[in-house]
Amino acid sequence: MPAKTGKEYINRLKKANNNIYIHGERVKDVTEHPGLNGAVQSMAHLYDIQFEKPEKMLYTSPTTGNKVGMTFIQPRTIGDLIARREAIQEWALISGGMMGRSPDYLNAEVMAMGMANDLFAEADQRFAENARNYYECARENDISLTHTLIHPQVNRAKAQHDQKDANVALHLVEKNNEGIIVDGIRLLATQGGITDEILVFPSTVNRAGAEDDPYALAFAIPNNTPGLKFISRESFDYGRNSWDHPLSSRFEEGDAIVSFENVFVPWDRVFVCGNSSICNRAFRETNAVVHMSHQVVAKNIIKTEFLLGVALSLMDAIGIDQFQHVKDKGTEIMLTLEAMKSHLYRAEYNAKLDKWGTMTPDYDALDAARNWYPRIYPRLVEILRVLGASGLMGIPTQADFENKEIGELIHRGLQSKNLEGYERVQLFRLAWDMTMSAFGSRQMHYEYYFFGDPVRMGMTYFDNYPKDELKERISSFLSNVGANKNADITNT
C-alpha cells in the first residue's frame, strides 16, 4: 500500500483496536473517543493533504514506483532536503506547529536508521537488515508511529540495574528461536494508541553501561500487539467546540505510559538486543538525531510564526502596537524567528553527503537551535500572555454570545479597536489556548523537554563544542601583547 488517505488512517485504527486506557477506562474506539477524536481527525487531515498537494507531499518510491510520503525520502541532494522541509512545514501549517509528533518526525528517524544500518550489524547482521527493511516497510505502507525513549522516574540517582525493583523498566526477559520477550514500563509515548506502531529506542541523552544491557533495546511492533497497553494521561481536549478551544479541541496529541507485559517481538522487528554500546551511539552515529532535528527546527519556525501572528493580531486588535514596550516584546519574537530561520538555512546549505549517500544537514547549526529553542519558547509564551493581560481572563464562551439575554451585552462590551466583541474574544481565546489553558501549559512543558533535560543537553553541548582553537587564539593574543611590551621596553 502506498501513501494513505485520512480515511485509510482512521480505518486502520478502527481495525487495530489498540489497547489504550484513558480516564480509567479501556477505549472502545479511539477514532470516536471525545478525548482522542480531535487529534485523530487532525492526523487524518494531514494524510489527506498528501493527496491535495501531491507535488509537494509525495514522491515516487525508488523500489515500487508507487507514490509515497515525501517526509520518508532519503535526501540525496540539497534540493531533496529542501523538498522534505517544505513538506514538513506544509503539515506544520495545519496545526500552527502545535502537533509535535506529526508523522514526519519519526519518518525521518526510520529513514536515517534504515540507511545507516551498519551500526546495528556490530551485534548481528540481521539487525542491520531489519533496520533497512523496516524503513522500506514504513515508507511503502505509510505507517504512523509513536515512540518511547525513557525509563520510569523511579530513582534518577541510580542506574536501572541498581534500582530497588530492577524489573520496573522495560527489559529483556527471554530470547528464543522466534524472537524476544520483553516486560516492563516505558515513558512517554505521545500519540500512543492513535498510531499504527510503536518504535522503542534508547534515550538521546541518557547513557548506559554494560550492566544495563538488559534494558538496551530497540524494536518496532504494532500497537495492538498482545500484552501492550497505553495508559494515557488526562486529555486536555474537554470535548468543547473549536471556537472555545481552537487548539486543544483539534491538536491535543496525548501522552501515554507504555506497559509491556511479556510482549513478544519477532526477530525481524529487532534492531538492538542487549547492547548498551550500540544504544548509546545509535542516534548520533546513524545521523538520525540530525534528520530529526531538521524536522523539529522546521516545525518550530512555523510554530514561532504562528505565535508571532497571534501576538501581532492581538496588538492591533486593542491598539497597543504603538507602545514602546509592546514593540520591544514583538521584536523579541521576531528576532527568535529570524534566528531559527538562519539556523535552518545554514543547516541546509552546508549539508553534505554522508557515507551512506544521504544528504545530511549541518548538525552544528541544528544542535544550536535545538538547545536554544527550549530555553526561549517559555519566554515567547510569557510575552503573549503579558500582551493579553486581563483580556485573557475576560473570555466568554460561544454559548454566552448565543444567549439572547447577555449575548448582545458582551458583544458590545468586549469590542476592540477594530474588532467586534465576538471576533475579539475569539482571537483572545486562541491566545489563551496557546498560553494559559492546560493545552498551552503542556505545549510549553513539552517544548522545554523536547529532546530531554535542557541542562543536561547544555552540558553535552558545552563538552562537545570545539574550544581549543578559541583558547589558543587568546593565548596567542596575550603572547603577542607580552612580546610587544618587551619590545617597547627594549626600544626605550
Protein backbone atom coordinates (compact mmCIF):
# COMPACT_ATOMS: atom_id res chain seq x y z
CA MET A 1 0.00 0.00 0.00
CA PRO A 2 1.46 3.43 -0.94
CA ALA A 3 0.75 6.77 0.78
CA LYS A 4 -2.53 6.60 2.68
CA THR A 5 -5.51 8.92 2.95
CA GLY A 6 -7.12 10.17 6.12
CA LYS A 7 -9.92 7.65 5.71
CA GLU A 8 -7.42 4.79 5.46
CA TYR A 9 -5.66 6.07 8.59
CA ILE A 10 -8.93 6.05 10.53
CA ASN A 11 -9.96 2.63 9.19
CA ARG A 12 -6.64 1.16 10.29
CA LEU A 13 -7.14 2.48 13.81
CA LYS A 14 -10.66 1.03 13.97
CA LYS A 15 -9.45 -2.35 12.76
CA ALA A 16 -6.41 -2.40 15.04
CA ASN A 17 -8.44 -1.73 18.20
CA ASN A 18 -5.32 -0.66 20.10
CA ASN A 19 -5.28 -1.32 23.83
CA ILE A 20 -5.45 2.21 25.25
CA TYR A 21 -6.81 3.41 28.59
CA ILE A 22 -7.88 6.96 29.36
CA HIS A 23 -9.80 8.38 32.32
CA GLY A 24 -9.74 4.93 33.91
CA GLU A 25 -11.50 3.15 31.08
CA ARG A 26 -10.44 0.99 28.17
CA VAL A 27 -11.19 2.87 24.95
CA LYS A 28 -13.53 1.00 22.61
CA ASP A 29 -12.80 3.10 19.53
CA VAL A 30 -10.03 5.73 19.58
CA THR A 31 -11.48 7.41 16.49
CA GLU A 32 -14.67 8.30 18.35
CA HIS A 33 -13.49 8.85 21.92
CA PRO A 34 -14.07 12.53 22.87
CA GLY A 35 -10.60 12.86 24.38
CA LEU A 36 -8.86 11.46 21.31
CA ASN A 37 -11.11 12.21 18.35
CA GLY A 38 -9.79 15.74 17.75
CA ALA A 39 -6.21 14.57 17.27
CA VAL A 40 -7.34 11.62 15.15
CA GLN A 41 -9.26 13.93 12.82
CA SER A 42 -6.29 16.29 12.59
CA MET A 43 -3.97 13.42 11.75
CA ALA A 44 -6.42 12.26 9.10
CA HIS A 45 -6.35 15.77 7.64
CA LEU A 46 -2.55 15.60 7.40
CA TYR A 47 -2.77 12.41 5.38
CA ASP A 48 -5.42 13.91 3.11
CA ILE A 49 -3.11 16.87 2.43
CA GLN A 50 -0.73 14.40 0.80
CA PHE A 51 -3.25 13.92 -1.98
CA GLU A 52 -4.46 17.51 -2.10
CA LYS A 53 -0.89 18.67 -2.75
CA PRO A 54 0.85 15.62 -4.24
CA GLU A 55 3.52 17.68 -6.00
CA LYS A 56 4.78 18.80 -2.60
CA MET A 57 3.82 15.92 -0.32
CA LEU A 58 4.53 12.79 -2.40
CA TYR A 59 7.39 11.31 -4.42
CA THR A 60 7.95 8.15 -6.40
CA SER A 61 9.23 5.20 -4.39
CA PRO A 62 12.65 4.02 -5.62
CA THR A 63 11.64 0.38 -5.09
CA THR A 64 7.95 0.08 -6.05
CA GLY A 65 7.25 3.11 -8.21
CA ASN A 66 4.28 3.96 -6.00
CA LYS A 67 3.66 7.44 -4.67
CA VAL A 68 4.88 7.60 -1.07
CA GLY A 69 5.17 10.34 1.54
CA MET A 70 7.83 12.97 0.89
CA THR A 71 8.75 13.01 4.58
CA PHE A 72 10.13 9.46 4.18
CA ILE A 73 12.54 10.45 1.42
CA GLN A 74 16.24 9.69 1.63
CA PRO A 75 17.55 13.10 0.52
CA ARG A 76 20.46 12.78 -1.90
CA THR A 77 20.76 16.46 -2.83
CA ILE A 78 20.22 19.78 -1.08
CA GLY A 79 17.16 20.12 -3.30
CA ASP A 80 15.78 16.88 -1.82
CA LEU A 81 16.46 18.20 1.67
CA ILE A 82 14.58 21.41 0.94
CA ALA A 83 11.71 19.47 -0.65
CA ARG A 84 11.41 17.38 2.51
CA ARG A 85 11.48 20.50 4.66
CA GLU A 86 8.75 22.11 2.59
CA ALA A 87 6.58 19.03 3.10
CA ILE A 88 7.31 19.14 6.84
CA GLN A 89 6.27 22.78 7.01
CA GLU A 90 3.17 22.18 4.91
CA TRP A 91 1.99 19.76 7.58
CA ALA A 92 3.06 22.11 10.40
CA LEU A 93 0.97 24.93 8.93
CA ILE A 94 -2.18 22.89 9.57
CA SER A 95 -1.67 22.96 13.33
CA GLY A 96 0.44 26.08 13.67
CA GLY A 97 3.26 23.76 14.75
CA MET A 98 1.22 22.51 17.71
CA MET A 99 1.47 18.83 16.75
CA GLY A 100 4.99 17.98 17.81
CA ARG A 101 4.65 14.33 16.89
CA SER A 102 3.15 14.61 13.43
CA PRO A 103 4.24 11.61 11.35
CA ASP A 104 7.23 13.35 9.72
CA TYR A 105 9.25 13.34 12.96
CA LEU A 106 9.64 9.57 13.14
CA ASN A 107 9.58 9.16 9.36
CA ALA A 108 12.91 10.99 9.36
CA GLU A 109 14.23 8.72 12.10
CA VAL A 110 13.39 5.41 10.43
CA MET A 111 14.86 6.71 7.16
CA ALA A 112 18.18 7.62 8.80
CA MET A 113 18.48 4.38 10.74
CA GLY A 114 17.36 2.36 7.77
CA MET A 115 20.03 3.80 5.51
CA ALA A 116 22.81 3.92 8.14
CA ASN A 117 22.06 0.43 9.34
CA ASP A 118 25.58 -0.97 9.58
CA LEU A 119 25.87 0.18 13.21
CA PHE A 120 23.30 -2.46 14.15
CA ALA A 121 25.36 -5.12 12.36
CA GLU A 122 28.01 -4.85 15.07
CA ALA A 123 25.84 -7.17 17.15
CA ASP A 124 24.13 -9.15 14.39
CA GLN A 125 23.96 -8.68 10.63
CA ARG A 126 20.25 -9.42 10.63
CA PHE A 127 19.65 -6.36 12.84
CA ALA A 128 21.09 -4.17 10.10
CA GLU A 129 18.86 -5.88 7.54
CA ASN A 130 15.89 -5.40 9.88
CA ALA A 131 16.52 -1.65 10.10
CA ARG A 132 16.74 -1.34 6.33
CA ASN A 133 13.65 -3.49 5.78
CA TYR A 134 11.66 -1.61 8.38
CA TYR A 135 12.36 1.70 6.66
CA GLU A 136 11.08 0.22 3.42
CA CYS A 137 8.02 -1.23 5.16
CA ALA A 138 7.17 2.03 6.93
CA ARG A 139 7.59 4.05 3.74
CA GLU A 140 5.68 1.72 1.43
CA ASN A 141 2.80 1.29 3.89
CA ASP A 142 2.79 4.84 5.28
CA ILE A 143 2.98 3.50 8.82
CA SER A 144 2.21 6.07 11.52
CA LEU A 145 4.45 5.76 14.54
CA THR A 146 4.61 6.66 18.19
CA HIS A 147 7.81 6.03 20.13
CA THR A 148 9.14 5.64 23.63
CA LEU A 149 12.63 6.54 24.83
CA ILE A 150 12.90 6.78 28.59
CA HIS A 151 12.59 4.66 31.72
CA PRO A 152 10.19 5.49 34.57
CA GLN A 153 11.28 8.16 37.08
CA VAL A 154 11.83 5.78 39.97
CA ASN A 155 15.23 6.89 41.26
CA ARG A 156 17.24 9.01 38.85
CA ALA A 157 20.26 8.79 41.14
CA LYS A 158 20.72 5.12 40.23
CA ALA A 159 21.20 3.16 37.03
CA GLN A 160 18.43 0.75 36.06
CA HIS A 161 20.24 -2.35 37.29
CA ASP A 162 20.67 -0.71 40.73
CA GLN A 163 17.02 0.19 41.23
CA LYS A 164 15.18 -1.29 44.21
CA ASP A 165 12.90 -3.03 41.74
CA ALA A 166 15.09 -3.55 38.69
CA ASN A 167 12.23 -5.09 36.73
CA VAL A 168 10.04 -1.97 36.59
CA ALA A 169 11.77 -0.57 33.50
CA LEU A 170 11.36 -2.30 30.14
CA HIS A 171 13.87 -5.11 29.96
CA LEU A 172 14.75 -8.29 28.13
CA VAL A 173 13.17 -11.38 29.68
CA GLU A 174 13.98 -14.10 27.17
CA LYS A 175 15.42 -14.90 23.76
CA ASN A 176 14.11 -17.82 21.73
CA ASN A 177 14.21 -19.03 18.13
CA GLU A 178 11.29 -16.82 17.10
CA GLY A 179 12.21 -13.59 18.84
CA ILE A 180 12.46 -11.94 22.24
CA ILE A 181 10.15 -11.45 25.23
CA VAL A 182 10.20 -8.03 26.92
CA ASP A 183 8.49 -6.78 30.06
CA GLY A 184 8.22 -3.52 31.98
CA ILE A 185 7.27 0.15 31.68
CA ARG A 186 8.44 2.92 29.35
CA LEU A 187 7.68 6.64 29.13
CA LEU A 188 6.31 8.69 27.37
CA ALA A 189 4.54 7.87 24.10
CA THR A 190 2.98 10.94 22.50
CA GLN A 191 0.09 9.87 20.27
CA GLY A 192 0.30 6.47 21.95
CA GLY A 193 -2.57 4.33 20.73
CA ILE A 194 -3.66 6.59 17.85
CA THR A 195 -0.90 5.39 15.52
CA ASP A 196 -0.17 2.11 13.78
CA GLU A 197 3.02 1.05 15.55
CA ILE A 198 5.44 1.90 18.34
CA LEU A 199 9.16 2.39 17.93
CA VAL A 200 11.18 1.56 21.04
CA PHE A 201 14.59 3.20 21.14
CA PRO A 202 17.11 4.41 23.73
CA SER A 203 17.20 7.95 25.04
CA THR A 204 19.12 10.54 23.05
CA VAL A 205 20.80 11.87 26.21
CA ASN A 206 20.90 9.11 28.86
CA ARG A 207 23.93 6.85 28.54
CA ALA A 208 24.03 3.28 29.86
CA GLY A 209 26.85 0.93 30.84
CA ALA A 210 27.27 -2.79 30.19
CA GLU A 211 25.40 -3.68 33.39
CA ASP A 212 22.32 -2.08 31.85
CA ASP A 213 22.46 -4.26 28.73
CA PRO A 214 19.14 -5.98 29.59
CA TYR A 215 17.47 -2.57 29.20
CA ALA A 216 19.28 -1.72 25.96
CA LEU A 217 16.61 -2.49 23.38
CA ALA A 218 15.37 -1.18 20.06
CA PHE A 219 12.48 -2.65 18.11
CA ALA A 220 9.18 -1.80 16.39
CA ILE A 221 5.85 -3.61 16.82
CA PRO A 222 2.17 -2.96 16.01
CA ASN A 223 0.29 -1.06 18.69
CA ASN A 224 -2.24 -3.89 19.04
CA THR A 225 0.41 -6.47 19.95
CA PRO A 226 -0.84 -8.71 22.80
CA GLY A 227 0.40 -7.53 26.19
CA LEU A 228 0.96 -3.95 25.05
CA LYS A 229 -1.04 -1.26 26.88
CA PHE A 230 -1.11 2.53 26.50
CA ILE A 231 -2.17 4.34 29.68
CA SER A 232 -2.92 7.88 28.60
CA ARG A 233 -2.83 10.92 30.82
CA GLU A 234 -5.97 13.03 31.25
CA SER A 235 -6.99 14.51 27.92
CA PHE A 236 -6.78 18.28 27.56
CA ASP A 237 -9.46 18.09 24.90
CA TYR A 238 -12.51 18.63 27.04
CA GLY A 239 -14.97 17.96 24.27
CA ARG A 240 -15.69 21.65 23.79
CA ASN A 241 -16.18 23.27 20.40
CA SER A 242 -13.29 24.66 18.38
CA TRP A 243 -14.45 28.26 18.95
CA ASP A 244 -13.96 27.93 22.71
CA HIS A 245 -10.84 25.74 22.45
CA PRO A 246 -9.39 26.40 18.99
CA LEU A 247 -6.18 24.43 19.59
CA SER A 248 -6.89 21.82 22.25
CA SER A 249 -10.07 20.65 20.52
CA ARG A 250 -8.06 19.66 17.44
CA PHE A 251 -4.40 19.17 18.28
CA GLU A 252 -4.30 17.53 21.72
CA GLU A 253 -1.98 14.62 20.92
CA GLY A 254 -1.99 12.96 24.32
CA ASP A 255 0.92 11.30 26.12
CA ALA A 256 0.86 7.74 27.41
CA ILE A 257 2.73 5.46 29.75
CA VAL A 258 3.51 2.25 27.87
CA SER A 259 3.22 -1.12 29.58
CA PHE A 260 4.79 -4.23 28.09
CA GLU A 261 3.51 -7.39 29.78
CA ASN A 262 5.70 -10.22 28.50
CA VAL A 263 5.36 -8.90 24.96
CA PHE A 264 6.70 -11.00 22.11
CA VAL A 265 8.82 -9.22 19.47
CA PRO A 266 9.75 -11.28 16.39
CA TRP A 267 13.40 -11.24 15.38
CA ASP A 268 12.69 -9.39 12.13
CA ARG A 269 11.46 -6.40 14.17
CA VAL A 270 14.51 -6.20 16.46
CA PHE A 271 17.30 -3.65 15.86
CA VAL A 272 19.20 -3.79 19.16
CA CYS A 273 19.07 -6.53 21.76
CA GLY A 274 21.05 -6.18 24.97
CA ASN A 275 23.83 -3.92 23.72
CA SER A 276 24.16 -0.61 25.57
CA SER A 277 27.13 0.48 23.44
CA ILE A 278 25.07 0.43 20.25
CA CYS A 279 22.14 2.12 22.00
CA ASN A 280 24.40 4.90 23.26
CA ARG A 281 25.62 5.60 19.74
CA ALA A 282 22.51 4.90 17.70
CA PHE A 283 21.08 8.39 17.22
CA ARG A 284 24.32 10.20 16.56
CA GLU A 285 26.24 7.64 14.51
CA THR A 286 23.33 6.97 12.17
CA ASN A 287 22.65 10.73 11.85
CA ALA A 288 19.08 10.06 12.98
CA VAL A 289 19.29 12.89 15.51
CA VAL A 290 20.39 15.23 12.70
CA HIS A 291 17.40 14.45 10.49
CA MET A 292 15.01 14.51 13.45
CA SER A 293 16.42 17.89 14.47
CA HIS A 294 15.91 19.14 10.91
CA GLN A 295 12.22 18.28 11.22
CA VAL A 296 11.95 19.88 14.66
CA VAL A 297 13.60 23.17 13.67
CA ALA A 298 11.46 23.37 10.52
CA LYS A 299 8.34 22.76 12.62
CA ASN A 300 9.38 25.27 15.28
CA ILE A 301 9.79 28.01 12.69
CA ILE A 302 6.14 27.54 11.76
CA LYS A 303 5.22 27.50 15.44
CA THR A 304 7.07 30.75 16.07
CA GLU A 305 5.45 32.35 13.03
CA PHE A 306 2.06 31.30 14.36
CA LEU A 307 2.77 32.73 17.81
CA LEU A 308 4.04 35.97 16.25
CA GLY A 309 0.91 36.18 14.12
CA VAL A 310 -1.28 35.83 17.21
CA ALA A 311 0.76 38.48 19.06
CA LEU A 312 0.57 40.96 16.18
CA SER A 313 -3.16 40.38 15.77
CA LEU A 314 -3.70 40.91 19.47
CA MET A 315 -1.63 44.14 19.48
CA ASP A 316 -3.56 45.50 16.54
CA ALA A 317 -6.94 44.48 17.93
CA ILE A 318 -6.66 46.52 21.11
CA GLY A 319 -4.44 49.31 19.80
CA ILE A 320 -1.29 48.66 21.80
CA ASP A 321 1.06 48.27 18.84
CA GLN A 322 2.47 51.80 19.16
CA PHE A 323 3.69 51.47 22.74
CA GLN A 324 7.45 51.17 23.17
CA HIS A 325 7.46 48.14 25.46
CA VAL A 326 4.95 46.36 23.22
CA LYS A 327 7.10 46.86 20.13
CA ASP A 328 10.11 45.63 22.08
CA LYS A 329 8.28 42.43 23.02
CA GLY A 330 7.22 41.91 19.42
CA THR A 331 10.83 42.38 18.39
CA GLU A 332 11.89 39.57 20.75
CA ILE A 333 9.60 37.16 18.93
CA MET A 334 10.77 38.42 15.53
CA LEU A 335 14.44 38.01 16.46
CA THR A 336 13.76 34.46 17.64
CA LEU A 337 12.02 33.65 14.38
CA GLU A 338 14.77 35.06 12.19
CA ALA A 339 17.48 33.34 14.24
CA MET A 340 15.70 30.00 13.86
CA LYS A 341 15.42 30.55 10.11
CA SER A 342 19.14 31.29 9.94
CA HIS A 343 19.96 28.07 11.78
CA LEU A 344 17.78 26.11 9.37
CA TYR A 345 19.16 27.65 6.20
CA ARG A 346 22.74 27.23 7.39
CA ALA A 347 21.96 23.60 8.15
CA GLU A 348 20.52 23.02 4.67
CA TYR A 349 23.01 24.90 2.55
CA ASN A 350 26.01 23.49 4.44
CA ALA A 351 24.61 19.96 4.10
CA LYS A 352 26.93 17.19 2.94
CA LEU A 353 26.54 13.62 1.76
CA ASP A 354 27.28 11.10 4.49
CA LYS A 355 28.95 7.77 3.79
CA TRP A 356 25.57 6.16 3.10
CA GLY A 357 24.72 8.63 0.35
CA THR A 358 22.24 10.64 2.43
CA MET A 359 22.36 14.43 2.17
CA THR A 360 22.73 15.36 5.82
CA PRO A 361 22.20 18.86 7.24
CA ASP A 362 24.92 20.71 9.13
CA TYR A 363 24.42 19.37 12.64
CA ASP A 364 26.24 22.26 14.35
CA ALA A 365 23.50 24.65 13.24
CA LEU A 366 20.67 22.30 14.21
CA ASP A 367 22.26 21.39 17.53
CA ALA A 368 22.48 25.05 18.47
CA ALA A 369 18.84 25.58 17.52
CA ARG A 370 17.55 22.51 19.36
CA ASN A 371 19.42 23.58 22.51
CA TRP A 372 18.25 27.19 22.29
CA TYR A 373 14.55 26.86 21.45
CA PRO A 374 13.54 25.02 24.65
CA ARG A 375 15.09 27.89 26.61
CA ILE A 376 13.43 30.66 24.61
CA TYR A 377 9.94 29.21 23.97
CA PRO A 378 8.73 29.82 27.56
CA ARG A 379 9.72 33.47 27.10
CA LEU A 380 7.70 33.70 23.87
CA VAL A 381 4.65 32.31 25.68
CA GLU A 382 5.20 34.78 28.51
CA ILE A 383 5.28 37.68 26.03
CA LEU A 384 1.95 36.66 24.54
CA ARG A 385 0.44 36.24 27.99
CA VAL A 386 1.71 39.66 29.13
CA LEU A 387 0.38 41.34 26.00
CA GLY A 388 -3.03 39.79 26.52
CA ALA A 389 -3.10 40.87 30.17
CA SER A 390 -6.59 40.84 31.73
CA GLY A 391 -8.09 40.25 28.30
CA LEU A 392 -7.03 36.62 28.61
CA MET A 393 -9.29 36.29 31.63
CA GLY A 394 -12.29 38.08 30.15
CA ILE A 395 -13.13 35.49 27.53
CA PRO A 396 -16.77 34.37 27.48
CA THR A 397 -17.68 31.23 25.58
CA GLN A 398 -19.54 30.97 22.30
CA ALA A 399 -22.62 29.90 24.27
CA ASP A 400 -22.54 33.22 26.13
CA PHE A 401 -22.69 35.11 22.86
CA GLU A 402 -25.58 32.96 21.69
CA ASN A 403 -27.61 33.68 24.83
CA LYS A 404 -30.33 36.22 24.00
CA GLU A 405 -30.14 37.97 27.36
CA ILE A 406 -26.40 38.54 27.59
CA GLY A 407 -25.07 37.94 24.08
CA GLU A 408 -25.53 41.48 22.81
CA LEU A 409 -24.17 42.94 26.05
CA ILE A 410 -20.83 41.17 25.84
CA HIS A 411 -20.66 41.61 22.07
CA ARG A 412 -20.77 45.36 22.59
CA GLY A 413 -18.84 45.49 25.85
CA LEU A 414 -15.89 43.46 24.59
CA GLN A 415 -15.40 45.21 21.27
CA SER A 416 -11.90 46.45 20.45
CA LYS A 417 -10.17 48.98 18.21
CA ASN A 418 -11.05 47.16 15.01
CA LEU A 419 -12.94 44.02 16.05
CA GLU A 420 -16.44 43.44 17.32
CA GLY A 421 -16.79 41.64 20.63
CA TYR A 422 -17.40 38.20 19.14
CA GLU A 423 -14.30 38.38 16.89
CA ARG A 424 -12.11 39.92 19.60
CA VAL A 425 -12.96 37.20 22.12
CA GLN A 426 -12.34 34.52 19.52
CA LEU A 427 -8.83 35.92 19.00
CA PHE A 428 -8.18 36.12 22.73
CA ARG A 429 -9.41 32.57 23.25
CA LEU A 430 -6.80 31.47 20.72
CA ALA A 431 -4.09 33.33 22.65
CA TRP A 432 -5.40 31.83 25.90
CA ASP A 433 -5.41 28.29 24.50
CA MET A 434 -1.82 28.81 23.40
CA THR A 435 -0.59 30.11 26.76
CA MET A 436 -2.86 29.55 29.76
CA SER A 437 -5.07 26.54 29.12
CA ALA A 438 -3.99 23.04 30.11
CA PHE A 439 -3.12 22.50 26.45
CA GLY A 440 -0.99 25.67 26.34
CA SER A 441 0.83 24.75 29.56
CA ARG A 442 1.55 21.30 28.16
CA GLN A 443 2.93 22.88 24.97
CA MET A 444 5.41 24.94 26.97
CA HIS A 445 6.45 21.96 29.10
CA TYR A 446 6.67 19.78 26.00
CA GLU A 447 8.96 22.18 24.15
CA TYR A 448 11.16 22.64 27.21
CA TYR A 449 11.82 18.90 27.49
CA PHE A 450 11.51 18.03 23.80
CA PHE A 451 14.96 16.44 23.48
CA GLY A 452 15.47 15.85 27.21
CA ASP A 453 16.57 17.91 30.17
CA PRO A 454 17.88 21.22 28.70
CA VAL A 455 20.55 21.47 31.40
CA ARG A 456 21.91 18.02 30.59
CA MET A 457 21.70 18.80 26.89
CA GLY A 458 23.55 22.05 27.54
CA MET A 459 26.32 20.20 29.37
CA THR A 460 26.70 17.84 26.42
CA TYR A 461 26.70 20.79 24.03
CA PHE A 462 29.38 22.54 26.10
CA ASP A 463 31.54 19.42 26.32
CA ASN A 464 31.38 18.80 22.57
CA TYR A 465 31.87 22.40 21.46
CA PRO A 466 35.25 22.99 19.71
CA LYS A 467 37.01 25.08 22.34
CA ASP A 468 40.74 24.51 21.81
CA GLU A 469 41.14 26.82 18.82
CA LEU A 470 39.44 29.67 20.65
CA LYS A 471 41.60 29.23 23.75
CA GLU A 472 44.73 29.04 21.62
CA ARG A 473 43.74 32.29 19.92
CA ILE A 474 43.57 34.04 23.30
CA SER A 475 46.88 32.53 24.36
CA SER A 476 48.47 33.75 21.12
CA PHE A 477 46.95 37.21 21.58
CA LEU A 478 48.32 37.50 25.11
CA SER A 479 51.75 36.24 23.96
CA ASN A 480 51.85 38.92 21.29
CA VAL A 481 50.88 41.56 23.84
CA GLY A 482 53.76 40.43 26.04
CA ALA A 483 56.20 40.42 23.13
CA ASN A 484 55.18 43.93 22.07
CA LYS A 485 55.55 45.23 25.61
CA ASN A 486 59.05 43.80 25.89
CA ALA A 487 59.96 45.33 22.54
CA ASP A 488 58.72 48.72 23.77
CA ILE A 489 60.85 48.43 26.90
CA THR A 490 63.93 47.47 24.86
CA ASN A 491 63.45 50.37 22.47
CA THR A 492 63.14 52.74 25.40
